[in-house]
Amino acid sequence: MQIKQFSPLFLTVDRIGPFQERLEEFDFTDVNEEPCNVFLFASKNGRGKTTLLELMVAMMNMLGKTKLESFGFEPLDYGKGRAQWDILVRTQRDGVDKVWVLSLIAGFIGNNFLKAWNQQELTRVGAGEWYGFGFRRTDSGRIEMLTTTKENLPDNSWIHDFNSLLRKAQEKDNTETEPHGFEDASLTYPTLLYFSAYRNIPKPANIDQRSIDRPNNWGYKPTHTFSTEGQLWDQSLDNLLVWLKWLDEERFKEALSIINQRVFGESNKKITDVNKRTLLADVTVDGQSQAHRLDQMSSGEKSLLQIFLRLGIHMTGNTIVFIDEIETHLHTTWRFQLMFELMKMAQKHYPGFTLFVTTHTQEVMKAFAPQLTEKNLVKGAYILETAEEEAKAQRIMQEMREQLSAES
């Protein structure tokens, strides 16, 4: 089975974080029912932006599993929280193309899905069938698998084969799913790369014990979460650069070319190589080269370097990218530049690259440019408000309409 598309459509949330008062549905499609490949969450602090991202990470992490000990997300593990994430999937098996909606379900859900898709709704998004998969927590606290049939599906079912495919892809000895290029989209398994607001590159605690080590989390996973990079050498970005050079000189040079262009641009600083003796990056500034740990970069350079190096290594042909508080550590110019570069990636890899960002800054919203129509960019946005804030906004709009009507 080949996976041709994996695009979020809707997220339905209940009793999770600040979303306690009502069932909330977030629409990730545009006015033409097309899945957005660039989506912006904006709000004041504390409105649930991070909660939504971490919820979807937990749900994506269910893929490939038949048993689950924990969701890894507190409102699903201990509270009454429940959620459904609907995704448009295009697959091909034995020469047959299929477009379907996959509903990932999680939490204290009972036997019912939060949204059951009928044929009219499926047709509207270009799908032919609906399949559900996920895990529910029972009254006793046990977590059990849930599908649209409420039973284990037969071996010839699409959802069973889809889940089995992703389970095998995660096996440690499966070298076919290891990265074979930089920003390589040939592997089509869906993956979600989550960059938290607390991202950073620290100095590895065992920096004096440097060696050429296989990096931690090398290979395919449905989710990768990046915050503060690993505290040990084998988990560090420094080691990742060393590993790239040791594996494939051409891929290493390609990675440096892309990173230098996106991180340093026209500045006088470049990463030129990895020193074989010290196993540290060679960084050239004004033509002078020196060994340079990555944690010694500026905070803005580290933020950009982490994002683009991790993207290049872990992305597949169906990548969803979450960046929480995208403006973190970046001055105004770099905020614009980061958004532009990521949107260019979404254009280049359309529809296989979907970007979700959260922000509360005007610069990011300007770079997003919702009013501008651009090729291979389907944009969407949501301003998170409380029920009271929404009601107040609606009252103001209604008063304005009544005033305009009276004046006319």
Foldseek 3Di string as FASTA:
>chain_A
DFWQEKAWAKKWKECFQPRDPDIDMDGQADPQLEGFQEEEEEEDPRLQPVVVVVVVQLLLQCFLDQADPASPRVCQQPNQIKMKIKIWIWDADPRDIFIEIEIRITHQDPQDDPDDDDQVNQVSNPHHYYKYWYWYQYPVSGIHIQIPVRDPDDPPDPSNVRRNVQNVQPDPPPPVQFFPAFLEAAFRNEAEEEEELQAAADAAPVLVPDDQDQAPPGGAGNYDYGHYFDNHRSRHVLNVLLNQCVVDVVRSVVLQVVLCCLQVNPAQKGFDHQDPVSSATWIGGPNDTDGDHLNPDQGSSRLSNVVNRVCRRHAYLAYEYEYEAQCRRHDLVSLLSVLVVLVVVQQVSPPRHGYYYYHHDPSNVVSLPPVDDDHNGRYYYDYRDDPVVVVVVVVVVVVVVVVVVVVD
